[in-house]
C-alpha atoms as a PDB file:
ATOM      1  CA  MET A   1      12.182 -14.710 -39.122  1.00  0.00           C
ATOM      2  CA  ASN A   2      14.975 -12.560 -40.883  1.00  0.00           C
ATOM      3  CA  LYS A   3      14.604 -12.812 -44.544  1.00  0.00           C
ATOM      4  CA  SER A   4      17.620 -13.715 -46.838  1.00  0.00           C
ATOM      5  CA  LYS A   5      16.225 -12.862 -50.078  1.00  0.00           C
ATOM      6  CA  VAL A   6      15.405  -8.978 -50.934  1.00  0.00           C
ATOM      7  CA  VAL A   7      13.807  -7.907 -54.344  1.00  0.00           C
ATOM      8  CA  LEU A   8      14.683  -4.362 -55.314  1.00  0.00           C
ATOM      9  CA  ILE A   9      11.946  -3.143 -57.858  1.00  0.00           C
ATOM     10  CA  ASN A  10      13.485  -0.019 -59.670  1.00  0.00           C
ATOM     11  CA  ILE A  11      11.180   2.631 -61.146  1.00  0.00           C
ATOM     12  CA  MET A  12      11.919   5.505 -63.387  1.00  0.00           C
ATOM     13  CA  ASP A  13      10.216   8.161 -65.254  1.00  0.00           C
ATOM     14  CA  VAL A  14      11.765   7.844 -68.979  1.00  0.00           C
ATOM     15  CA  SER A  15       9.981  10.669 -70.555  1.00  0.00           C
ATOM     16  CA  GLY A  16      11.819  13.270 -72.427  1.00  0.00           C
ATOM     17  CA  SER A  17      12.618  15.628 -69.337  1.00  0.00           C
ATOM     18  CA  VAL A  18      14.842  12.987 -67.611  1.00  0.00           C
ATOM     19  CA  GLY A  19      17.981  13.171 -69.565  1.00  0.00           C
ATOM     20  CA  GLN A  20      20.976  10.789 -69.533  1.00  0.00           C
ATOM     21  CA  THR A  21      22.940  12.799 -67.130  1.00  0.00           C
ATOM     22  CA  LYS A  22      19.877  12.312 -64.438  1.00  0.00           C
ATOM     23  CA  LYS A  23      19.836   8.430 -65.277  1.00  0.00           C
ATOM     24  CA  ASN A  24      23.499   8.144 -64.826  1.00  0.00           C
ATOM     25  CA  MET A  25      23.330   9.600 -61.208  1.00  0.00           C
ATOM     26  CA  ALA A  26      20.260   7.297 -60.783  1.00  0.00           C
ATOM     27  CA  LYS A  27      22.179   4.324 -62.048  1.00  0.00           C
ATOM     28  CA  LEU A  28      25.025   5.101 -59.805  1.00  0.00           C
ATOM     29  CA  TYR A  29      22.853   5.273 -56.907  1.00  0.00           C
ATOM     30  CA  MET A  30      21.040   1.927 -57.466  1.00  0.00           C
ATOM     31  CA  ASP A  31      24.148   0.209 -58.297  1.00  0.00           C
ATOM     32  CA  THR A  32      25.830   1.144 -54.913  1.00  0.00           C
ATOM     33  CA  TYR A  33      22.634   0.728 -52.859  1.00  0.00           C
ATOM     34  CA  LYS A  34      22.353  -2.880 -54.608  1.00  0.00           C
ATOM     35  CA  GLY A  35      25.974  -3.516 -53.455  1.00  0.00           C
ATOM     36  CA  PHE A  36      25.035  -2.794 -50.085  1.00  0.00           C
ATOM     37  CA  LEU A  37      22.166  -5.059 -50.097  1.00  0.00           C
ATOM     38  CA  SER A  38      24.422  -7.939 -51.188  1.00  0.00           C
ATOM     39  CA  GLY A  39      26.417  -7.524 -48.064  1.00  0.00           C
ATOM     40  CA  ASN A  40      22.983  -8.152 -46.182  1.00  0.00           C
ATOM     41  CA  TYR A  41      21.040 -10.812 -48.184  1.00  0.00           C
ATOM     42  CA  GLU A  42      21.959 -14.168 -49.604  1.00  0.00           C
ATOM     43  CA  THR A  43      20.201 -13.122 -52.897  1.00  0.00           C
ATOM     44  CA  VAL A  44      19.293  -9.847 -54.336  1.00  0.00           C
ATOM     45  CA  GLU A  45      16.780  -9.952 -57.238  1.00  0.00           C
ATOM     46  CA  SER A  46      16.441  -6.641 -59.577  1.00  0.00           C
ATOM     47  CA  ARG A  47      13.170  -5.659 -61.456  1.00  0.00           C
ATOM     48  CA  PHE A  48      12.710  -2.568 -63.537  1.00  0.00           C
ATOM     49  CA  VAL A  49      10.097  -0.458 -64.459  1.00  0.00           C
ATOM     50  CA  ALA A  50      10.100   2.239 -66.901  1.00  0.00           C
ATOM     51  CA  HIS A  51       7.061   4.902 -67.269  1.00  0.00           C
ATOM     52  CA  THR A  52       5.798   7.977 -68.827  1.00  0.00           C
ATOM     53  CA  THR A  53       2.036   8.083 -68.831  1.00  0.00           C
ATOM     54  CA  VAL A  54       2.021   4.492 -68.878  1.00  0.00           C
ATOM     55  CA  ALA A  55       4.492   1.673 -67.479  1.00  0.00           C
ATOM     56  CA  LYS A  56       6.229  -1.451 -68.486  1.00  0.00           C
ATOM     57  CA  GLU A  57       8.725  -3.703 -67.099  1.00  0.00           C
ATOM     58  CA  VAL A  58      11.858  -3.543 -69.074  1.00  0.00           C
ATOM     59  CA  SER A  59      15.669  -4.640 -68.885  1.00  0.00           C
ATOM     60  CA  GLU A  60      18.188  -2.652 -66.818  1.00  0.00           C
ATOM     61  CA  ASN A  61      19.895  -1.373 -70.155  1.00  0.00           C
ATOM     62  CA  ASP A  62      16.225  -0.198 -71.538  1.00  0.00           C
ATOM     63  CA  LEU A  63      15.828   1.738 -68.115  1.00  0.00           C
ATOM     64  CA  PHE A  64      18.888   3.716 -68.060  1.00  0.00           C
ATOM     65  CA  TYR A  65      19.505   4.017 -71.900  1.00  0.00           C
ATOM     66  CA  ARG A  66      16.420   4.313 -73.859  1.00  0.00           C
ATOM     67  CA  GLY A  67      14.269   7.253 -73.490  1.00  0.00           C
ATOM     68  CA  GLU A  68      10.571   8.078 -74.543  1.00  0.00           C
ATOM     69  CA  SER A  69       8.554  11.086 -75.506  1.00  0.00           C
ATOM     70  CA  GLY A  70       5.239  11.936 -73.556  1.00  0.00           C
ATOM     71  CA  GLY A  71       3.974  13.406 -70.226  1.00  0.00           C
ATOM     72  CA  THR A  72       4.383  11.631 -67.109  1.00  0.00           C
ATOM     73  CA  TYR A  73       1.923   9.645 -64.780  1.00  0.00           C
ATOM     74  CA  ILE A  74       3.927   8.451 -61.725  1.00  0.00           C
ATOM     75  CA  SER A  75       0.895   6.468 -60.717  1.00  0.00           C
ATOM     76  CA  SER A  76       1.634   4.265 -63.685  1.00  0.00           C
ATOM     77  CA  GLY A  77       4.948   2.895 -62.276  1.00  0.00           C
ATOM     78  CA  TYR A  78       3.372   1.957 -58.822  1.00  0.00           C
ATOM     79  CA  GLU A  79       0.647   0.268 -60.508  1.00  0.00           C
ATOM     80  CA  LYS A  80       3.226  -2.204 -62.155  1.00  0.00           C
ATOM     81  CA  ALA A  81       5.469  -2.321 -58.945  1.00  0.00           C
ATOM     82  CA  LEU A  82       2.242  -3.521 -57.234  1.00  0.00           C
ATOM     83  CA  GLU A  83       1.725  -6.151 -60.048  1.00  0.00           C
ATOM     84  CA  ILE A  84       5.103  -7.282 -59.600  1.00  0.00           C
ATOM     85  CA  VAL A  85       4.940  -7.508 -55.486  1.00  0.00           C
ATOM     86  CA  LYS A  86       2.261  -9.838 -55.732  1.00  0.00           C
ATOM     87  CA  GLU A  87       4.454 -12.510 -57.386  1.00  0.00           C
ATOM     88  CA  TYR A  88       6.411 -12.861 -54.408  1.00  0.00           C
ATOM     89  CA  ASP A  89       5.897 -14.669 -50.949  1.00  0.00           C
ATOM     90  CA  THR A  90       6.550 -11.795 -48.644  1.00  0.00           C
ATOM     91  CA  ASP A  91       7.113 -14.383 -45.648  1.00  0.00           C
ATOM     92  CA  ASN A  92      10.387 -15.563 -47.518  1.00  0.00           C
ATOM     93  CA  TYR A  93      11.293 -12.220 -49.617  1.00  0.00           C
ATOM     94  CA  ASP A  94      11.883  -8.488 -48.466  1.00  0.00           C
ATOM     95  CA  ILE A  95      10.674  -6.134 -50.910  1.00  0.00           C
ATOM     96  CA  GLN A  96      11.954  -2.677 -51.627  1.00  0.00           C
ATOM     97  CA  VAL A  97      11.320  -0.069 -53.848  1.00  0.00           C
ATOM     98  CA  LEU A  98      13.771   2.512 -55.195  1.00  0.00           C
ATOM     99  CA  GLN A  99      12.164   5.212 -57.282  1.00  0.00           C
ATOM    100  CA  PHE A 100      13.897   8.133 -59.378  1.00  0.00           C
ATOM    101  CA  SER A 101      11.966  11.130 -60.922  1.00  0.00           C
ATOM    102  CA  ASP A 102      12.760  14.735 -61.745  1.00  0.00           C
ATOM    103  CA  GLY A 103       9.618  15.678 -59.844  1.00  0.00           C
ATOM    104  CA  ASP A 104       7.296  16.528 -63.164  1.00  0.00           C
ATOM    105  CA  ASN A 105       3.970  14.770 -62.878  1.00  0.00           C
ATOM    106  CA  TRP A 106       0.657  15.987 -64.499  1.00  0.00           C
ATOM    107  CA  GLY A 107      -1.278  17.686 -61.820  1.00  0.00           C
ATOM    108  CA  GLU A 108      -4.385  15.517 -62.310  1.00  0.00           C
ATOM    109  CA  ASN A 109      -2.435  12.395 -61.639  1.00  0.00           C
ATOM    110  CA  ASN A 110      -1.204  13.392 -58.177  1.00  0.00           C
ATOM    111  CA  ASP A 111      -3.963  12.192 -55.772  1.00  0.00           C
ATOM    112  CA  GLU A 112      -3.723   8.803 -57.700  1.00  0.00           C
ATOM    113  CA  SER A 113       0.020   8.944 -57.116  1.00  0.00           C
ATOM    114  CA  VAL A 114       0.063   9.444 -53.188  1.00  0.00           C
ATOM    115  CA  LYS A 115      -2.808   6.764 -52.992  1.00  0.00           C
ATOM    116  CA  LEU A 116      -0.799   4.205 -54.830  1.00  0.00           C
ATOM    117  CA  LEU A 117       2.316   5.080 -52.925  1.00  0.00           C
ATOM    118  CA  ASN A 118       0.480   4.492 -49.893  1.00  0.00           C
ATOM    119  CA  GLU A 119      -0.701   1.081 -50.788  1.00  0.00           C
ATOM    120  CA  LEU A 120       2.990   0.194 -51.886  1.00  0.00           C
ATOM    121  CA  CYS A 121       4.438   1.344 -48.613  1.00  0.00           C
ATOM    122  CA  GLN A 122       1.782  -1.143 -46.918  1.00  0.00           C
ATOM    123  CA  ASN A 123       3.026  -3.937 -49.114  1.00  0.00           C
ATOM    124  CA  THR A 124       6.713  -3.532 -49.264  1.00  0.00           C
ATOM    125  CA  GLY A 125       9.637  -3.316 -46.794  1.00  0.00           C
ATOM    126  CA  LEU A 126      11.245   0.331 -47.692  1.00  0.00           C
ATOM    127  CA  VAL A 127       9.973   2.609 -50.515  1.00  0.00           C
ATOM    128  CA  GLN A 128      12.842   5.325 -51.457  1.00  0.00           C
ATOM    129  CA  TYR A 129      11.597   8.345 -53.480  1.00  0.00           C
ATOM    130  CA  LEU A 130      14.695  10.076 -55.216  1.00  0.00           C
ATOM    131  CA  GLU A 131      14.129  13.453 -56.714  1.00  0.00           C
ATOM    132  CA  ILE A 132      16.803  14.008 -59.291  1.00  0.00           C
ATOM    133  CA  ARG A 133      16.854  17.789 -60.300  1.00  0.00           C
ATOM    134  CA  LYS A 134      19.070  20.915 -60.480  1.00  0.00           C
ATOM    135  CA  SER A 135      16.546  23.073 -58.666  1.00  0.00           C
ATOM    136  CA  THR A 136      16.469  22.995 -55.139  1.00  0.00           C
ATOM    137  CA  TYR A 137      12.840  23.858 -54.836  1.00  0.00           C
ATOM    138  CA  THR A 138      10.578  21.502 -53.356  1.00  0.00           C
ATOM    139  CA  SER A 139       8.052  19.897 -56.431  1.00  0.00           C
ATOM    140  CA  THR A 140       4.316  19.551 -56.045  1.00  0.00           C
ATOM    141  CA  ILE A 141       4.642  15.881 -55.821  1.00  0.00           C
ATOM    142  CA  MET A 142       7.268  15.917 -53.492  1.00  0.00           C
ATOM    143  CA  SER A 143       5.026  18.082 -51.172  1.00  0.00           C
ATOM    144  CA  ARG A 144       2.276  15.959 -51.619  1.00  0.00           C
ATOM    145  CA  TYR A 145       4.403  12.675 -50.482  1.00  0.00           C
ATOM    146  CA  GLN A 146       5.859  14.846 -47.422  1.00  0.00           C
ATOM    147  CA  GLU A 147       2.049  14.577 -46.057  1.00  0.00           C
ATOM    148  CA  ILE A 148       2.467  10.937 -46.069  1.00  0.00           C
ATOM    149  CA  SER A 149       3.036   9.279 -42.525  1.00  0.00           C
ATOM    150  CA  LYS A 150       4.680   5.857 -43.194  1.00  0.00           C
ATOM    151  CA  ASP A 151       7.943   4.914 -41.447  1.00  0.00           C
ATOM    152  CA  ASN A 152       9.271   3.004 -44.375  1.00  0.00           C
ATOM    153  CA  LEU A 153       9.091   5.835 -46.839  1.00  0.00           C
ATOM    154  CA  TYR A 154      12.328   7.639 -47.602  1.00  0.00           C
ATOM    155  CA  LEU A 155      12.264  11.161 -49.445  1.00  0.00           C
ATOM    156  CA  GLY A 156      15.558  12.661 -50.676  1.00  0.00           C
ATOM    157  CA  LYS A 157      16.756  15.425 -53.305  1.00  0.00           C
ATOM    158  CA  ILE A 158      19.850  14.641 -55.584  1.00  0.00           C
ATOM    159  CA  SER A 159      21.046  18.009 -57.303  1.00  0.00           C
ATOM    160  CA  ARG A 160      24.774  16.936 -57.841  1.00  0.00           C
ATOM    161  CA  LEU A 161      26.896  13.982 -57.712  1.00  0.00           C
ATOM    162  CA  ASP A 162      27.827  14.271 -54.106  1.00  0.00           C
ATOM    163  CA  ASP A 163      24.077  14.126 -53.064  1.00  0.00           C
ATOM    164  CA  VAL A 164      24.142  10.685 -54.314  1.00  0.00           C
ATOM    165  CA  PHE A 165      26.559   9.901 -51.856  1.00  0.00           C
ATOM    166  CA  ASP A 166      24.951  11.705 -48.939  1.00  0.00           C
ATOM    167  CA  ARG A 167      21.486  10.304 -49.872  1.00  0.00           C
ATOM    168  CA  LEU A 168      23.145   6.645 -49.799  1.00  0.00           C
ATOM    169  CA  LYS A 169      24.559   7.296 -46.396  1.00  0.00           C
ATOM    170  CA  GLU A 170      21.035   8.114 -44.897  1.00  0.00           C
ATOM    171  CA  THR A 171      19.305   5.089 -46.881  1.00  0.00           C
ATOM    172  CA  THR A 172      21.523   2.549 -45.624  1.00  0.00           C
ATOM    173  CA  LYS A 173      21.509   3.390 -42.321  1.00  0.00           C
ATOM    174  CA  LEU A 174      17.592   3.481 -42.335  1.00  0.00           C
ATOM    175  CA  GLU A 175      17.755  -0.241 -44.025  1.00  0.00           C
ATOM    176  CA  SER A 176      20.023  -1.440 -41.400  1.00  0.00           C
ATOM    177  CA  LYS A 177      18.077  -0.004 -38.745  1.00  0.00           C
ATOM    178  CA  MET A 178      14.878  -1.752 -39.972  1.00  0.00           C
ATOM    179  CA  VAL A 179      16.696  -5.003 -40.504  1.00  0.00           C
ATOM    180  CA  LYS A 180      18.335  -4.619 -37.067  1.00  0.00           C
ATOM    181  CA  GLN A 181      14.793  -4.147 -35.193  1.00  0.00           C
ATOM    182  CA  GLU A 182      13.230  -6.883 -37.114  1.00  0.00           C
ATOM    183  CA  TRP A 183      11.859  -9.866 -34.956  1.00  0.00           C
ATOM    184  CA  SER A 184       9.863 -12.824 -35.988  1.00  0.00           C
ATOM    185  CA  LYS A 185       6.855 -13.273 -34.226  1.00  0.00           C
ATOM    186  CA  TRP A 186       6.479 -15.577 -30.970  1.00  0.00           C
ATOM    187  CA  SER A 187       6.420 -19.254 -31.896  1.00  0.00           C
ATOM    188  CA  ASP A 188       3.631 -21.609 -30.176  1.00  0.00           C
ATOM    189  CA  CYS A 189       5.577 -24.778 -31.131  1.00  0.00           C
ATOM    190  CA  TYR A 190       6.499 -25.552 -27.355  1.00  0.00           C
ATOM    191  CA  THR A 191       4.304 -25.747 -24.149  1.00  0.00           C
ATOM    192  CA  ASP A 192       6.616 -24.640 -21.745  1.00  0.00           C
ATOM    193  CA  PHE A 193       8.318 -21.572 -23.756  1.00  0.00           C
ATOM    194  CA  GLN A 194       7.795 -19.378 -26.692  1.00  0.00           C
ATOM    195  CA  TYR A 195      10.931 -18.250 -28.942  1.00  0.00           C
ATOM    196  CA  ARG A 196      11.461 -15.661 -31.636  1.00  0.00           C
ATOM    197  CA  GLU A 197      14.519 -14.955 -34.032  1.00  0.00           C
ATOM    198  CA  LYS A 198      16.438 -11.992 -35.355  1.00  0.00           C
ATOM    199  CA  GLY A 199      18.892 -12.817 -37.653  1.00  0.00           C
ATOM    200  CA  LYS A 200      21.362 -15.069 -35.811  1.00  0.00           C
ATOM    201  CA  LEU A 201      19.818 -14.134 -32.529  1.00  0.00           C
ATOM    202  CA  ILE A 202      17.280 -16.183 -30.500  1.00  0.00           C
ATOM    203  CA  GLU A 203      15.274 -15.166 -27.480  1.00  0.00           C
ATOM    204  CA  CYS A 204      13.259 -17.807 -25.449  1.00  0.00           C
ATOM    205  CA  LYS A 205      10.429 -16.852 -23.080  1.00  0.00           C
ATOM    206  CA  PHE A 206       9.791 -19.698 -20.512  1.00  0.00           C
ATOM    207  CA  ASN A 207       6.548 -19.760 -18.833  1.00  0.00           C
ATOM    208  CA  ASP A 208       7.876 -18.868 -15.344  1.00  0.00           C
ATOM    209  CA  GLY A 209       9.261 -15.657 -16.742  1.00  0.00           C
ATOM    210  CA  ILE A 210      13.180 -16.331 -17.399  1.00  0.00           C
ATOM    211  CA  HIS A 211      14.295 -15.101 -20.764  1.00  0.00           C
ATOM    212  CA  THR A 212      17.514 -16.276 -22.532  1.00  0.00           C
ATOM    213  CA  PHE A 213      19.335 -15.874 -25.578  1.00  0.00           C
ATOM    214  CA  ALA A 214      21.399 -17.625 -28.178  1.00  0.00           C
ATOM    215  CA  LYS A 215      23.744 -15.719 -30.554  1.00  0.00           C
ATOM    216  CA  CYS A 216      25.467 -17.896 -33.366  1.00  0.00           C
ATOM    217  CA  LEU A 217      29.011 -16.271 -34.477  1.00  0.00           C
ATOM    218  CA  PRO A 218      28.977 -14.939 -38.098  1.00  0.00           C
ATOM    219  CA  GLU A 219      31.330 -17.914 -39.123  1.00  0.00           C
ATOM    220  CA  ASP A 220      28.763 -20.294 -37.672  1.00  0.00           C
ATOM    221  CA  GLU A 221      25.991 -21.781 -39.674  1.00  0.00           C
ATOM    222  CA  PHE A 222      22.905 -21.188 -38.317  1.00  0.00           C
ATOM    223  CA  ASN A 223      20.806 -23.998 -36.958  1.00  0.00           C
ATOM    224  CA  LEU A 224      17.776 -23.188 -34.941  1.00  0.00           C
ATOM    225  CA  GLN A 225      17.753 -26.405 -32.891  1.00  0.00           C
ATOM    226  CA  THR A 226      21.241 -25.722 -31.839  1.00  0.00           C
ATOM    227  CA  GLY A 227      20.190 -22.501 -30.551  1.00  0.00           C
ATOM    228  CA  LEU A 228      17.146 -23.592 -28.606  1.00  0.00           C
ATOM    229  CA  GLU A 229      19.401 -26.385 -27.127  1.00  0.00           C
ATOM    230  CA  ILE A 230      21.693 -23.538 -25.977  1.00  0.00           C
ATOM    231  CA  CYS A 231      18.722 -21.420 -24.535  1.00  0.00           C
ATOM    232  CA  SER A 232      17.501 -24.465 -22.720  1.00  0.00           C
ATOM    233  CA  LYS A 233      20.762 -24.870 -21.201  1.00  0.00           C
ATOM    234  CA  LYS A 234      21.054 -21.161 -20.095  1.00  0.00           C
ATOM    235  CA  TYR A 235      17.432 -21.446 -18.477  1.00  0.00           C
ATOM    236  CA  GLN A 236      18.427 -24.388 -16.380  1.00  0.00           C
ATOM    237  CA  LEU A 237      21.319 -22.422 -14.908  1.00  0.00           C
ATOM    238  CA  LYS A 238      19.106 -19.581 -14.673  1.00  0.00           C
ATOM    239  CA  LYS A 239      16.557 -21.708 -12.738  1.00  0.00           C
ATOM    240  CA  LEU A 240      19.332 -23.199 -10.596  1.00  0.00           C
ATOM    241  CA  GLU A 241      20.526 -19.909  -9.707  1.00  0.00           C
ATOM    242  CA  LYS A 242      17.401 -18.582  -8.945  1.00  0.00           C
ATOM    243  CA  GLU A 243      16.829 -21.349  -6.693  1.00  0.00           C
ATOM    244  CA  LEU A 244      19.978 -21.195  -4.678  1.00  0.00           C
ATOM    245  CA  ARG A 245      19.228 -17.531  -4.045  1.00  0.00           C
ATOM    246  CA  GLN A 246      16.222 -18.895  -2.145  1.00  0.00           C
ATOM    247  CA  PHE A 247      18.103 -20.770   0.678  1.00  0.00           C
END
């Protein structure tokens, strides 16, 4: 069943190398993407994780306007995000991760970061890693992430303001595609047919092989029982049409 609630976990390196200009671009990206989600979900909840070599959950204001000294262990941000993921029922919530970094990470932490990013992808819907830096060369950690084979992992670079909007075009299309393709599992509630849902679309698969569909208009209030009744009526018509063709 399509989920009406989404949790957006925002992770950012707040060490000294991530200056306010980078944070401003990160916030512009986050605010715009969150607005996009608001048009696709009834509820959008945001959580904020700041990290250097250690991570902690903070307010939105502290994430974007307070910095700290120290090095960078990206894995610490993933550890905190995984803790947050456990707080939610994934049957009811879509969980997404939005991470901002300048690409700097202590080399000794790269293997652990790759391992935990894999784990995060396995437990969430969409993970975005946005690397904000003036240089166009590929950072070591980005190179490692490019080796990860996960359909729900997006890697993007932001070097200037226009890149923010270019990346948003790509990620909003990706998120829409994932939602569009998401069907619920076939239900076994009935003996003569099974059904599954995708947003406001219902498909019924009857035991004799006939498939029917019901779609509620956007302005209609979705009602599962009404959809199933429509599918059943369409089935009767298809069955009658099939029988008439045999004469």
